[in-house]
């Protein structure tokens, strides 16, 4: 089948249709699987273009949609963890909407850093302070003069650096390869211990791969600057949460602002809900008025490139896993 088959549910399909280039048509995966096209394609076809989440939990459905005729698979997500990439036939180009949620996430990171520095919401009052002499007095911190470490240097970290431009803040970006910085404000460092030892705030924004699983473990937390504020907007798997608990209790980590945890959602009674130095949100840092449109545009802006035989943006490195 030469058309575009979408398997993204009712939430995203209207957005895909709205921003699809003129002249292009979509076929829902359910309609395709029930059609004569699918029956004709079973022996040697499949849709030429498939837009999907390719979730690991839906392997059988993905196997029925992918075929020898498939040339391009777009994952309607910003990351590719927990996807069934191993099902994609050899030679198929895989893209994702990488960076689409960077604006909302980077704003959330800045909000968490400011909240930690200014002790919010702890400094709000609901009754007169005790003792009264504490009125007009507090010990607050500042982002001016602070060092912010970025674990991973992609669109989110670049967005954080851009939003820190109004502060006199040193920004260290950790990546394993010594590649040029995407932003002049970010100083690239290839030694994780060096970043950990200097950072007052550490933003975790690297891809979740086997190589980054528990990259922040007991050894890493032993090397952090005492009083670190940890912000995780990547995936929960990057942090050894048992090691984090020890680091929180002994003061090496002063606070952890976690938009992602492992598992998701956390079960009732989990210690992260109750720890006084931990703030947990429900993986919502991506939320912003423009995010869903940009996730969809990660696909629709690639369609003219695909039709023209041009290189696509957001190509996934299947070996690296991101």
Protein backbone atom coordinates (compact mmCIF):
# COMPACT_ATOMS: atom_id res chain seq x y z
CA UNK A 1 0.00 0.00 0.00
CA UNK A 2 1.52 3.34 -1.05
CA UNK A 3 -0.42 5.53 1.39
CA UNK A 4 0.16 6.55 4.99
CA UNK A 5 -1.25 4.27 7.68
CA UNK A 6 -1.64 5.80 11.14
CA UNK A 7 -1.88 3.77 14.33
CA UNK A 8 -1.90 6.50 16.98
CA UNK A 9 -5.40 6.48 18.44
CA UNK A 10 -8.12 9.09 18.42
CA UNK A 11 -6.16 11.59 20.51
CA UNK A 12 -3.46 12.28 17.93
CA UNK A 13 -5.03 11.41 14.59
CA UNK A 14 -6.94 14.74 14.19
CA UNK A 15 -3.66 16.60 14.71
CA UNK A 16 -1.93 14.47 12.07
CA UNK A 17 -4.75 15.12 9.60
CA UNK A 18 -4.75 18.85 10.37
CA UNK A 19 -1.05 19.39 9.67
CA UNK A 20 -0.59 16.85 6.87
CA UNK A 21 0.59 18.43 3.59
CA UNK A 22 -2.13 19.02 1.02
CA UNK A 23 -2.74 16.07 -1.25
CA UNK A 24 -1.73 13.45 1.32
CA UNK A 25 -4.30 11.06 2.77
CA UNK A 26 -4.34 8.93 5.88
CA UNK A 27 -5.75 5.49 6.51
CA UNK A 28 -6.34 4.39 10.09
CA UNK A 29 -4.65 1.16 11.08
CA UNK A 30 -8.00 -0.39 12.02
CA UNK A 31 -9.45 0.42 8.58
CA UNK A 32 -6.30 -0.86 6.89
CA UNK A 33 -6.31 -4.17 8.79
CA UNK A 34 -9.96 -4.70 7.86
CA UNK A 35 -9.50 -3.75 4.20
CA UNK A 36 -8.76 -5.52 1.00
CA UNK A 37 -5.46 -3.67 0.87
CA UNK A 38 -4.30 -5.54 3.96
CA UNK A 39 -5.42 -8.86 2.53
CA UNK A 40 -3.56 -8.11 -0.70
CA UNK A 41 -0.49 -6.94 1.18
CA UNK A 42 -0.11 -9.95 3.44
CA UNK A 43 2.26 -11.81 1.14
CA UNK A 44 4.60 -9.02 0.12
CA UNK A 45 3.36 -5.64 1.15
CA UNK A 46 2.51 -3.59 4.15
CA UNK A 47 2.02 0.17 4.23
CA UNK A 48 4.80 2.22 2.67
CA UNK A 49 4.62 4.72 5.53
CA UNK A 50 3.51 3.86 9.06
CA UNK A 51 2.92 6.36 11.85
CA UNK A 52 2.76 4.55 15.17
CA UNK A 53 3.86 4.41 18.80
CA UNK A 54 5.27 0.89 18.17
CA UNK A 55 4.81 0.06 21.82
CA UNK A 56 6.48 -3.04 23.18
CA UNK A 57 3.12 -4.03 24.65
CA UNK A 58 1.56 -4.14 21.15
CA UNK A 59 4.05 -6.35 19.35
CA UNK A 60 1.49 -8.54 17.60
CA UNK A 61 -0.31 -5.53 16.16
CA UNK A 62 2.98 -4.04 14.99
CA UNK A 63 3.96 -7.31 13.32
CA UNK A 64 0.70 -7.30 11.37
CA UNK A 65 1.23 -3.73 10.17
CA UNK A 66 4.89 -3.88 9.15
CA UNK A 67 5.81 -5.55 5.88
CA UNK A 68 8.42 -5.80 3.11
CA UNK A 69 6.94 -2.75 1.36
CA UNK A 70 7.36 -0.55 4.44
CA UNK A 71 9.96 2.13 3.81
CA UNK A 72 9.46 4.61 6.63
CA UNK A 73 8.21 4.26 10.20
CA UNK A 74 7.64 7.37 12.25
CA UNK A 75 7.28 6.98 16.01
CA UNK A 76 4.90 9.61 17.31
CA UNK A 77 6.95 10.08 20.46
CA UNK A 78 10.02 12.00 21.52
CA UNK A 79 11.88 8.91 22.73
CA UNK A 80 12.14 5.34 21.57
CA UNK A 81 12.50 3.41 24.82
CA UNK A 82 9.87 0.73 25.42
CA UNK A 83 9.29 0.41 21.69
CA UNK A 84 9.55 -2.72 19.57
CA UNK A 85 12.33 -1.45 17.30
CA UNK A 86 13.54 -5.02 16.73
CA UNK A 87 10.41 -5.65 14.62
CA UNK A 88 11.31 -2.99 12.05
CA UNK A 89 12.52 -4.67 8.83
CA UNK A 90 16.12 -4.08 7.79
CA UNK A 91 16.55 -1.05 5.58
CA UNK A 92 13.49 0.80 6.90
CA UNK A 93 14.09 4.39 8.02
CA UNK A 94 12.81 5.08 11.52
CA UNK A 95 12.22 8.62 12.75
CA UNK A 96 10.71 10.10 15.90
CA UNK A 97 9.52 13.51 17.05
CA UNK A 98 12.74 14.16 18.92
CA UNK A 99 12.86 17.53 20.65
CA UNK A 100 9.16 18.30 20.20
CA UNK A 101 8.55 18.63 23.93
CA UNK A 102 11.78 20.49 24.72
CA UNK A 103 10.13 23.87 25.30
CA UNK A 104 7.73 22.69 27.97
CA UNK A 105 10.29 20.44 29.65
CA UNK A 106 13.02 23.08 29.77
CA UNK A 107 10.56 25.56 31.33
CA UNK A 108 9.67 22.94 33.94
CA UNK A 109 13.36 22.42 34.73
CA UNK A 110 13.88 26.14 35.27
CA UNK A 111 10.78 26.27 37.47
CA UNK A 112 12.14 23.45 39.63
CA UNK A 113 15.55 25.10 39.96
CA UNK A 114 14.01 28.41 41.00
CA UNK A 115 11.61 26.70 43.39
CA UNK A 116 14.52 24.92 45.06
CA UNK A 117 16.66 28.07 45.28
CA UNK A 118 13.78 30.15 46.68
CA UNK A 119 12.45 27.35 48.92
CA UNK A 120 9.03 27.26 47.30
CA UNK A 121 6.43 26.41 48.45
CA UNK A 122 7.97 26.15 51.94
CA UNK A 123 8.26 29.92 52.34
CA UNK A 124 4.55 30.59 51.75
CA UNK A 125 2.70 31.47 54.94
CA UNK A 126 -0.65 30.28 56.21
CA UNK A 127 -0.20 31.73 59.71
CA UNK A 128 2.20 34.13 61.50
CA UNK A 129 5.76 32.81 61.53
CA UNK A 130 7.23 31.48 64.75
CA UNK A 131 9.18 33.15 66.16
CA UNK A 132 7.87 36.50 64.84
CA UNK A 133 11.45 37.69 64.34
CA UNK A 134 11.66 35.50 61.24
CA UNK A 135 9.38 37.95 59.43
CA UNK A 136 11.45 39.69 56.76
CA UNK A 137 14.24 37.12 57.06
CA UNK A 138 15.07 33.95 55.13
CA UNK A 139 18.08 32.08 53.81
CA UNK A 140 17.38 31.73 50.11
CA UNK A 141 19.73 30.74 47.31
CA UNK A 142 20.14 32.13 43.80
CA UNK A 143 20.81 30.84 40.32
CA UNK A 144 23.32 33.67 39.89
CA UNK A 145 26.72 32.14 40.54
CA UNK A 146 25.36 28.59 40.51
CA UNK A 147 26.64 25.78 38.31
CA UNK A 148 24.05 23.79 36.38
CA UNK A 149 25.06 20.38 35.05
CA UNK A 150 23.26 18.86 32.09
CA UNK A 151 23.39 15.10 31.70
CA UNK A 152 22.82 14.79 27.98
CA UNK A 153 23.14 17.65 25.52
CA UNK A 154 20.11 17.60 23.23
CA UNK A 155 17.09 19.79 22.61
CA UNK A 156 15.97 19.81 26.25
CA UNK A 157 19.39 20.79 27.58
CA UNK A 158 19.74 23.45 24.90
CA UNK A 159 16.34 24.81 25.94
CA UNK A 160 17.43 24.90 29.58
CA UNK A 161 20.59 26.79 28.64
CA UNK A 162 18.58 29.31 26.64
CA UNK A 163 16.27 29.93 29.58
CA UNK A 164 19.22 30.37 31.93
CA UNK A 165 20.61 33.15 29.73
CA UNK A 166 19.25 35.80 32.09
CA UNK A 167 21.23 34.40 35.01
CA UNK A 168 24.94 34.50 35.73
CA UNK A 169 25.05 30.72 35.70
CA UNK A 170 27.81 28.37 34.61
CA UNK A 171 26.45 25.51 32.48
CA UNK A 172 28.28 22.20 32.09
CA UNK A 173 27.02 19.68 29.53
CA UNK A 174 28.05 16.03 29.88
CA UNK A 175 28.31 13.84 26.82
CA UNK A 176 30.52 10.84 26.27
CA UNK A 177 31.74 12.01 22.87
CA UNK A 178 33.76 15.21 22.52
CA UNK A 179 31.48 16.88 19.99
CA UNK A 180 30.97 20.63 19.53
CA UNK A 181 28.51 22.29 21.87
CA UNK A 182 25.10 23.05 20.31
CA UNK A 183 24.99 26.26 22.34
CA UNK A 184 27.85 28.60 23.21
CA UNK A 185 26.53 28.82 26.77
CA UNK A 186 27.10 25.10 27.35
CA UNK A 187 30.62 23.98 28.24
CA UNK A 188 31.04 20.38 27.07
CA UNK A 189 32.60 18.02 29.62
CA UNK A 190 33.31 14.36 28.80
CA UNK A 191 33.95 13.32 32.41
CA UNK A 192 30.80 12.62 34.41
CA UNK A 193 32.63 12.82 37.77
CA UNK A 194 33.81 16.33 36.87
CA UNK A 195 30.23 17.44 36.20
CA UNK A 196 28.91 15.79 39.37
CA UNK A 197 31.58 17.39 41.56
CA UNK A 198 30.81 20.92 40.36
CA UNK A 199 27.03 21.02 39.86
CA UNK A 200 24.62 22.75 42.22
CA UNK A 201 21.73 21.59 40.03
CA UNK A 202 21.91 18.51 37.80
CA UNK A 203 19.35 18.13 35.01
CA UNK A 204 19.06 14.57 33.72
CA UNK A 205 17.98 14.75 30.08
CA UNK A 206 19.77 11.89 28.32
CA UNK A 207 18.16 9.14 26.26
CA UNK A 208 17.21 5.93 28.05
CA UNK A 209 19.41 3.17 26.63
CA UNK A 210 21.18 0.14 28.11
CA UNK A 211 24.31 2.33 28.35
CA UNK A 212 22.55 4.97 30.48
CA UNK A 213 20.61 2.66 32.78
CA UNK A 214 21.48 3.62 36.38
CA UNK A 215 24.12 6.05 35.15
CA UNK A 216 23.45 7.76 38.48
CA UNK A 217 24.23 4.92 40.87
CA UNK A 218 25.86 4.70 44.29
CA UNK A 219 29.32 5.46 42.86
CA UNK A 220 27.99 8.51 41.02
CA UNK A 221 26.15 9.88 44.05
CA UNK A 222 29.34 9.49 46.09
CA UNK A 223 30.98 12.01 43.75
CA UNK A 224 28.32 14.75 43.71
CA UNK A 225 28.80 18.17 45.21
CA UNK A 226 27.13 18.07 48.65
CA UNK A 227 23.71 19.69 48.59
CA UNK A 228 22.98 18.82 44.95
CA UNK A 229 19.53 19.51 43.54
CA UNK A 230 18.66 16.68 41.14
CA UNK A 231 16.12 17.20 38.33
CA UNK A 232 15.10 14.20 36.23
CA UNK A 233 13.09 14.72 33.03
CA UNK A 234 14.59 11.81 31.09
CA UNK A 235 13.46 8.39 32.29
CA UNK A 236 13.37 6.83 35.72
CA UNK A 237 15.74 4.08 34.61
CA UNK A 238 18.69 6.50 34.53
CA UNK A 239 18.68 6.74 38.32
CA UNK A 240 19.28 3.97 40.82
CA UNK A 241 16.48 5.00 43.16
CA UNK A 242 17.82 2.96 46.08
CA UNK A 243 21.14 4.79 45.79
CA UNK A 244 19.26 8.09 45.50
CA UNK A 245 17.49 7.37 48.78
CA UNK A 246 20.82 6.91 50.56
CA UNK A 247 22.18 10.12 49.02
CA UNK A 248 19.09 12.06 50.12
CA UNK A 249 19.28 10.75 53.66
CA UNK A 250 22.97 11.60 54.10
CA UNK A 251 22.61 15.08 52.57
CA UNK A 252 24.66 14.64 49.42
CA UNK A 253 21.43 15.29 47.49
CA UNK A 254 19.43 18.10 49.07
CA UNK A 255 16.36 17.68 46.89
CA UNK A 256 15.18 15.58 43.98
CA UNK A 257 12.61 16.99 41.54
CA UNK A 258 11.40 13.97 39.60
CA UNK A 259 9.01 14.13 36.68
CA UNK A 260 9.95 10.56 35.73
CA UNK A 261 10.33 7.56 38.01
CA UNK A 262 10.65 3.79 37.83
CA UNK A 263 8.11 2.28 37.58
CA UNK A 264 5.42 4.57 36.22
CA UNK A 265 3.05 5.10 37.84
CA UNK A 266 4.58 4.53 41.23
CA UNK A 267 2.58 2.11 43.40
CA UNK A 268 0.79 3.38 46.48
CA UNK A 269 3.04 3.65 49.52
CA UNK A 270 6.25 4.04 47.51
CA UNK A 271 8.92 5.89 49.51
CA UNK A 272 9.34 8.58 46.82
CA UNK A 273 5.84 9.86 47.58
CA UNK A 274 6.65 10.33 51.24
CA UNK A 275 10.26 11.47 51.36
CA UNK A 276 10.43 15.11 52.54
CA UNK A 277 13.22 15.97 50.09
CA UNK A 278 11.51 14.58 46.99
CA UNK A 279 8.97 16.19 44.68
CA UNK A 280 7.31 13.82 42.21
CA UNK A 281 5.08 14.77 39.29
CA UNK A 282 3.26 12.45 36.93
CA UNK A 283 5.49 12.70 33.84
CA UNK A 284 3.85 15.96 32.81
CA UNK A 285 6.82 18.29 32.27
CA UNK A 286 6.27 17.99 28.50
CA UNK A 287 2.84 19.62 28.74
CA UNK A 288 2.55 22.97 26.97
CA UNK A 289 -0.02 24.43 24.56
CA UNK A 290 2.21 23.80 21.52
CA UNK A 291 3.62 20.37 22.40
CA UNK A 292 1.11 18.08 20.70
CA UNK A 293 1.31 20.12 17.49
CA UNK A 294 5.10 19.89 17.50
CA UNK A 295 5.01 16.14 18.12
CA UNK A 296 2.80 15.74 15.06
CA UNK A 297 4.91 18.16 13.01
CA UNK A 298 7.87 15.90 13.68
CA UNK A 299 6.14 13.65 11.15
CA UNK A 300 4.23 15.99 8.86
CA UNK A 301 7.19 18.27 8.09
CA UNK A 302 9.13 15.18 7.02
CA UNK A 303 6.51 14.08 4.48
CA UNK A 304 7.63 16.52 1.72
CA UNK A 305 11.23 15.47 2.34
CA UNK A 306 10.29 11.82 2.00
CA UNK A 307 8.36 12.38 -1.22
CA UNK A 308 11.32 14.34 -2.63
CA UNK A 309 13.84 11.67 -1.65
CA UNK A 310 15.59 14.03 0.76
CA UNK A 311 17.14 13.08 4.13
CA UNK A 312 14.62 12.99 6.96
CA UNK A 313 14.97 14.74 10.29
CA UNK A 314 14.78 12.95 13.63
CA UNK A 315 16.26 9.69 12.30
CA UNK A 316 16.68 7.04 15.00
CA UNK A 317 20.01 5.24 15.34
CA UNK A 318 18.73 1.69 15.74
CA UNK A 319 22.06 0.41 17.10
CA UNK A 320 22.44 3.19 19.68
CA UNK A 321 18.74 3.02 20.58
CA UNK A 322 17.92 6.73 20.27
